[in-house]
C-alpha atoms as a PDB file:
ATOM      1  CA  MET A   1      -2.711  -2.726  22.132  1.00  0.00           C
ATOM      2  CA  LEU A   2      -2.320  -3.459  18.401  1.00  0.00           C
ATOM      3  CA  THR A   3      -5.211  -5.151  16.607  1.00  0.00           C
ATOM      4  CA  ILE A   4      -5.560  -5.893  12.912  1.00  0.00           C
ATOM      5  CA  ARG A   5      -8.942  -6.395  11.304  1.00  0.00           C
ATOM      6  CA  ARG A   6     -10.561  -6.355   7.900  1.00  0.00           C
ATOM      7  CA  GLU A   7     -11.726  -3.015   6.527  1.00  0.00           C
ATOM      8  CA  GLU A   8     -15.379  -2.138   7.093  1.00  0.00           C
ATOM      9  CA  PRO A   9     -17.386   0.443   5.090  1.00  0.00           C
ATOM     10  CA  ASP A  10     -17.164   3.025   7.895  1.00  0.00           C
ATOM     11  CA  ASP A  11     -13.346   2.865   7.818  1.00  0.00           C
ATOM     12  CA  ALA A  12     -12.962   4.764   4.519  1.00  0.00           C
ATOM     13  CA  GLU A  13     -12.131   8.125   6.112  1.00  0.00           C
ATOM     14  CA  ALA A  14      -9.690   6.667   8.634  1.00  0.00           C
ATOM     15  CA  ILE A  15      -7.852   4.687   5.964  1.00  0.00           C
ATOM     16  CA  ALA A  16      -7.743   7.726   3.669  1.00  0.00           C
ATOM     17  CA  ARG A  17      -6.193   9.836   6.457  1.00  0.00           C
ATOM     18  CA  VAL A  18      -3.551   7.169   7.189  1.00  0.00           C
ATOM     19  CA  HIS A  19      -2.851   6.879   3.460  1.00  0.00           C
ATOM     20  CA  ILE A  20      -2.386  10.640   3.048  1.00  0.00           C
ATOM     21  CA  HIS A  21      -0.275  11.019   6.186  1.00  0.00           C
ATOM     22  CA  GLY A  22       1.905   8.147   4.959  1.00  0.00           C
ATOM     23  CA  TRP A  23       2.335   9.813   1.564  1.00  0.00           C
ATOM     24  CA  GLN A  24       3.079  13.224   3.050  1.00  0.00           C
ATOM     25  CA  ALA A  25       5.754  11.915   5.422  1.00  0.00           C
ATOM     26  CA  GLY A  26       7.130   9.039   3.365  1.00  0.00           C
ATOM     27  CA  TYR A  27       7.268  10.797   0.013  1.00  0.00           C
ATOM     28  CA  ALA A  28       8.504  14.207   1.214  1.00  0.00           C
ATOM     29  CA  GLY A  29      11.454  15.114  -0.978  1.00  0.00           C
ATOM     30  CA  ILE A  30      10.491  12.404  -3.490  1.00  0.00           C
ATOM     31  CA  MET A  31       7.061  13.529  -4.689  1.00  0.00           C
ATOM     32  CA  PRO A  32       6.466  17.185  -5.628  1.00  0.00           C
ATOM     33  CA  ALA A  33       5.482  19.184  -2.534  1.00  0.00           C
ATOM     34  CA  GLU A  34       2.461  20.687  -4.325  1.00  0.00           C
ATOM     35  CA  VAL A  35       1.082  17.178  -4.903  1.00  0.00           C
ATOM     36  CA  LEU A  36       1.473  16.223  -1.244  1.00  0.00           C
ATOM     37  CA  ALA A  37      -0.090  19.509  -0.092  1.00  0.00           C
ATOM     38  CA  ARG A  38      -3.266  19.057  -2.151  1.00  0.00           C
ATOM     39  CA  LEU A  39      -4.114  15.503  -1.049  1.00  0.00           C
ATOM     40  CA  ASN A  40      -7.741  15.397   0.025  1.00  0.00           C
ATOM     41  CA  PRO A  41      -8.898  12.778   2.562  1.00  0.00           C
ATOM     42  CA  VAL A  42     -12.576  13.305   1.692  1.00  0.00           C
ATOM     43  CA  ALA A  43     -11.913  12.570  -1.991  1.00  0.00           C
ATOM     44  CA  TRP A  44      -9.684   9.582  -1.172  1.00  0.00           C
ATOM     45  CA  ALA A  45     -12.332   8.160   1.168  1.00  0.00           C
ATOM     46  CA  GLN A  46     -15.001   8.548  -1.532  1.00  0.00           C
ATOM     47  CA  ARG A  47     -12.744   6.753  -4.011  1.00  0.00           C
ATOM     48  CA  ARG A  48     -12.481   3.831  -1.568  1.00  0.00           C
ATOM     49  CA  ARG A  49     -16.275   3.738  -1.305  1.00  0.00           C
ATOM     50  CA  ASP A  50     -16.656   3.942  -5.098  1.00  0.00           C
ATOM     51  CA  LEU A  51     -14.204   1.062  -5.563  1.00  0.00           C
ATOM     52  CA  GLY A  52     -16.033  -0.990  -2.926  1.00  0.00           C
ATOM     53  CA  THR A  53     -12.817  -1.836  -1.089  1.00  0.00           C
ATOM     54  CA  ALA A  54     -14.678  -2.999   2.025  1.00  0.00           C
ATOM     55  CA  ASP A  55     -16.849  -5.436   0.049  1.00  0.00           C
ATOM     56  CA  PRO A  56     -15.934  -9.038   0.977  1.00  0.00           C
ATOM     57  CA  GLU A  57     -16.276  -9.950  -2.743  1.00  0.00           C
ATOM     58  CA  HIS A  58     -13.716  -7.320  -3.787  1.00  0.00           C
ATOM     59  CA  PRO A  59     -10.621  -9.001  -5.318  1.00  0.00           C
ATOM     60  CA  PHE A  60      -8.332  -7.128  -2.908  1.00  0.00           C
ATOM     61  CA  THR A  61      -8.410  -7.237   0.875  1.00  0.00           C
ATOM     62  CA  THR A  62      -7.613  -4.271   3.101  1.00  0.00           C
ATOM     63  CA  LEU A  63      -6.625  -4.776   6.716  1.00  0.00           C
ATOM     64  CA  LEU A  64      -6.665  -1.912   9.208  1.00  0.00           C
ATOM     65  CA  ALA A  65      -4.245  -1.797  12.127  1.00  0.00           C
ATOM     66  CA  GLU A  66      -5.475  -0.032  15.237  1.00  0.00           C
ATOM     67  CA  ILE A  67      -3.613   0.805  18.407  1.00  0.00           C
ATOM     68  CA  ASP A  68      -5.916   1.264  21.358  1.00  0.00           C
ATOM     69  CA  GLY A  69      -8.802   1.736  18.919  1.00  0.00           C
ATOM     70  CA  MET A  70      -7.080   4.435  16.851  1.00  0.00           C
ATOM     71  CA  PRO A  71      -6.126   3.851  13.175  1.00  0.00           C
ATOM     72  CA  ALA A  72      -2.377   3.252  12.905  1.00  0.00           C
ATOM     73  CA  GLY A  73      -1.899   1.730   9.443  1.00  0.00           C
ATOM     74  CA  PHE A  74      -3.330  -0.409   6.687  1.00  0.00           C
ATOM     75  CA  THR A  75      -2.356  -2.838   3.980  1.00  0.00           C
ATOM     76  CA  THR A  76      -4.125  -3.942   0.812  1.00  0.00           C
ATOM     77  CA  PHE A  77      -3.296  -7.215  -0.925  1.00  0.00           C
ATOM     78  CA  GLY A  78      -4.660  -9.633  -3.495  1.00  0.00           C
ATOM     79  CA  PRO A  79      -3.838 -11.008  -6.940  1.00  0.00           C
ATOM     80  CA  TYR A  80      -0.956  -9.458  -8.857  1.00  0.00           C
ATOM     81  CA  ARG A  81      -1.897  -6.612 -11.207  1.00  0.00           C
ATOM     82  CA  ASN A  82      -0.220  -6.969 -14.602  1.00  0.00           C
ATOM     83  CA  ASP A  83       1.195  -3.553 -15.479  1.00  0.00           C
ATOM     84  CA  GLN A  84      -0.386  -2.355 -12.217  1.00  0.00           C
ATOM     85  CA  ASP A  85      -3.797  -2.564 -13.878  1.00  0.00           C
ATOM     86  CA  ARG A  86      -6.621  -3.608 -11.520  1.00  0.00           C
ATOM     87  CA  GLY A  87      -8.491  -4.899 -14.568  1.00  0.00           C
ATOM     88  CA  ASP A  88      -5.698  -7.289 -15.624  1.00  0.00           C
ATOM     89  CA  LEU A  89      -5.031  -9.725 -12.804  1.00  0.00           C
ATOM     90  CA  ASP A  90      -2.463 -12.529 -12.705  1.00  0.00           C
ATOM     91  CA  LEU A  91      -3.987 -15.131 -10.407  1.00  0.00           C
ATOM     92  CA  GLY A  92      -0.677 -17.000 -10.252  1.00  0.00           C
ATOM     93  CA  HIS A  93       0.966 -14.443  -7.957  1.00  0.00           C
ATOM     94  CA  GLY A  94      -0.048 -12.355  -4.980  1.00  0.00           C
ATOM     95  CA  GLU A  95       0.658  -8.677  -4.478  1.00  0.00           C
ATOM     96  CA  VAL A  96       0.793  -6.185  -1.653  1.00  0.00           C
ATOM     97  CA  LEU A  97      -0.754  -3.162  -3.370  1.00  0.00           C
ATOM     98  CA  ALA A  98      -0.412  -0.736  -0.484  1.00  0.00           C
ATOM     99  CA  MET A  99       0.979  -0.516   3.001  1.00  0.00           C
ATOM    100  CA  TYR A 100       1.006   2.727   4.939  1.00  0.00           C
ATOM    101  CA  VAL A 101       1.512   3.461   8.621  1.00  0.00           C
ATOM    102  CA  GLU A 102       0.902   6.681  10.513  1.00  0.00           C
ATOM    103  CA  PRO A 103       4.326   8.320  10.900  1.00  0.00           C
ATOM    104  CA  ALA A 104       3.905   8.362  14.700  1.00  0.00           C
ATOM    105  CA  HIS A 105       3.938   4.542  14.522  1.00  0.00           C
ATOM    106  CA  TRP A 106       6.963   4.099  12.271  1.00  0.00           C
ATOM    107  CA  GLY A 107       9.362   1.688  13.926  1.00  0.00           C
ATOM    108  CA  ASP A 108       6.957   0.399  16.580  1.00  0.00           C
ATOM    109  CA  GLY A 109       6.148  -2.942  14.898  1.00  0.00           C
ATOM    110  CA  THR A 110       2.892  -1.888  13.238  1.00  0.00           C
ATOM    111  CA  ALA A 111       4.307  -2.245   9.715  1.00  0.00           C
ATOM    112  CA  ARG A 112       5.842  -5.649  10.522  1.00  0.00           C
ATOM    113  CA  ALA A 113       2.513  -6.856  11.893  1.00  0.00           C
ATOM    114  CA  LEU A 114       0.630  -5.581   8.841  1.00  0.00           C
ATOM    115  CA  LEU A 115       3.065  -7.220   6.437  1.00  0.00           C
ATOM    116  CA  ALA A 116       2.821 -10.502   8.371  1.00  0.00           C
ATOM    117  CA  ALA A 117      -0.988 -10.339   8.202  1.00  0.00           C
ATOM    118  CA  ALA A 118      -0.853  -9.619   4.453  1.00  0.00           C
ATOM    119  CA  ARG A 119       1.524 -12.544   3.932  1.00  0.00           C
ATOM    120  CA  ASP A 120      -0.824 -14.820   5.871  1.00  0.00           C
ATOM    121  CA  GLY A 121      -3.753 -13.643   3.734  1.00  0.00           C
ATOM    122  CA  LEU A 122      -1.827 -14.174   0.511  1.00  0.00           C
ATOM    123  CA  ALA A 123      -0.659 -17.639   1.594  1.00  0.00           C
ATOM    124  CA  ALA A 124      -4.251 -18.556   2.528  1.00  0.00           C
ATOM    125  CA  HIS A 125      -5.159 -17.940  -1.129  1.00  0.00           C
ATOM    126  CA  GLY A 126      -2.509 -20.469  -2.119  1.00  0.00           C
ATOM    127  CA  TRP A 127       0.097 -18.097  -3.495  1.00  0.00           C
ATOM    128  CA  ARG A 128       3.734 -19.060  -2.976  1.00  0.00           C
ATOM    129  CA  GLU A 129       5.203 -15.750  -4.139  1.00  0.00           C
ATOM    130  CA  TYR A 130       4.151 -12.153  -3.765  1.00  0.00           C
ATOM    131  CA  ARG A 131       5.228  -8.919  -5.323  1.00  0.00           C
ATOM    132  CA  LEU A 132       5.014  -5.238  -4.548  1.00  0.00           C
ATOM    133  CA  TRP A 133       6.078  -1.968  -6.144  1.00  0.00           C
ATOM    134  CA  VAL A 134       8.045   0.679  -4.261  1.00  0.00           C
ATOM    135  CA  LEU A 135       9.355   4.063  -5.366  1.00  0.00           C
ATOM    136  CA  ALA A 136      13.047   3.687  -6.160  1.00  0.00           C
ATOM    137  CA  ASP A 137      13.897   6.796  -4.114  1.00  0.00           C
ATOM    138  CA  ASN A 138      11.965   5.576  -1.046  1.00  0.00           C
ATOM    139  CA  ALA A 139      15.032   4.284   0.794  1.00  0.00           C
ATOM    140  CA  ARG A 140      13.194   3.823   4.088  1.00  0.00           C
ATOM    141  CA  ALA A 141      10.529   1.539   2.568  1.00  0.00           C
ATOM    142  CA  ARG A 142      13.108  -0.358   0.538  1.00  0.00           C
ATOM    143  CA  ARG A 143      15.162  -1.072   3.685  1.00  0.00           C
ATOM    144  CA  PHE A 144      12.009  -2.257   5.461  1.00  0.00           C
ATOM    145  CA  TYR A 145      11.083  -4.662   2.656  1.00  0.00           C
ATOM    146  CA  GLU A 146      14.638  -5.939   2.339  1.00  0.00           C
ATOM    147  CA  ARG A 147      14.806  -6.644   6.086  1.00  0.00           C
ATOM    148  CA  ALA A 148      11.499  -8.485   5.676  1.00  0.00           C
ATOM    149  CA  GLY A 149      13.086 -10.814   3.116  1.00  0.00           C
ATOM    150  CA  LEU A 150      11.965  -9.250  -0.155  1.00  0.00           C
ATOM    151  CA  SER A 151      14.374  -8.357  -2.923  1.00  0.00           C
ATOM    152  CA  ALA A 152      14.237  -6.308  -6.090  1.00  0.00           C
ATOM    153  CA  ASP A 153      13.841  -8.581  -9.113  1.00  0.00           C
ATOM    154  CA  GLY A 154      15.017  -6.116 -11.772  1.00  0.00           C
ATOM    155  CA  GLN A 155      11.561  -5.081 -13.019  1.00  0.00           C
ATOM    156  CA  ARG A 156      11.028  -1.330 -13.207  1.00  0.00           C
ATOM    157  CA  SER A 157       8.060   0.910 -13.838  1.00  0.00           C
ATOM    158  CA  ARG A 158       7.294   4.613 -13.980  1.00  0.00           C
ATOM    159  CA  TYR A 159       4.705   6.101 -11.629  1.00  0.00           C
ATOM    160  CA  ARG A 160       2.948   9.031 -13.285  1.00  0.00           C
ATOM    161  CA  VAL A 161       2.230  11.967 -10.948  1.00  0.00           C
ATOM    162  CA  PRO A 162      -0.174  14.521 -12.449  1.00  0.00           C
ATOM    163  CA  LEU A 163       0.484  18.161 -11.617  1.00  0.00           C
ATOM    164  CA  ALA A 164      -1.995  21.018 -11.344  1.00  0.00           C
ATOM    165  CA  GLY A 165      -2.483  23.815 -13.852  1.00  0.00           C
ATOM    166  CA  GLY A 166      -1.763  21.801 -16.963  1.00  0.00           C
ATOM    167  CA  ALA A 167       1.900  21.283 -16.070  1.00  0.00           C
ATOM    168  CA  PRO A 168       3.411  18.121 -17.535  1.00  0.00           C
ATOM    169  CA  PRO A 169       3.313  15.150 -15.148  1.00  0.00           C
ATOM    170  CA  VAL A 170       6.308  13.966 -13.181  1.00  0.00           C
ATOM    171  CA  HIS A 171       7.388  10.350 -13.607  1.00  0.00           C
ATOM    172  CA  LEU A 172       8.949   8.548 -10.643  1.00  0.00           C
ATOM    173  CA  ASP A 173      10.869   5.282 -10.944  1.00  0.00           C
ATOM    174  CA  GLU A 174       9.462   2.233  -9.190  1.00  0.00           C
ATOM    175  CA  LEU A 175      11.109  -1.083  -8.457  1.00  0.00           C
ATOM    176  CA  ARG A 176       9.349  -4.411  -8.108  1.00  0.00           C
ATOM    177  CA  TYR A 177      10.194  -6.483  -5.048  1.00  0.00           C
ATOM    178  CA  VAL A 178       9.451 -10.198  -4.698  1.00  0.00           C
ATOM    179  CA  GLY A 179       9.096 -12.399  -1.638  1.00  0.00           C
ATOM    180  CA  ARG A 180       8.334 -16.038  -0.914  1.00  0.00           C
ATOM    181  CA  LEU A 181       5.341 -17.219   1.080  1.00  0.00           C
ATOM    182  CA  THR A 182       5.108 -20.295   3.224  1.00  0.00           C
ATOM    183  CA  GLY A 183       1.861 -22.036   3.619  1.00  0.00           C
END
């Protein structure tokens, strides 16, 4: 059975594993393989703890989806980040900052349920519109968001991917998608 609940401090490792598995499957062929191979769930979990993502006073909310008690996906949402900067928030718009689902649960409704829960959370804050960024080459995610009623609004960004050994970073194109909220 699918349940969705707010992140708790002890969820950092589970969310980090889902996040990494989502990157490794979803970004294969898009992101350099060496980047995907070196992702570290311990480091990502510590980053979550350092950012205080489970703190109820944190400006962003993370919801964890579980199926029969096992982590299946998560979403993070809150105020829109101008230039994707967590320190420069636009309180006039909402944003889905992240949404990742374990590849074994792709297509089973987990992502739809997470997006619906994020929309409900954004609408509860009074936002009428929300935005999200998606890699331009991530056709699967783009199709999902388009089926969910979002559309690209023409805004573009470049996602900087650092490489090991002093190699110059790779820059990946991102597109901004926009959706309406009811509330």
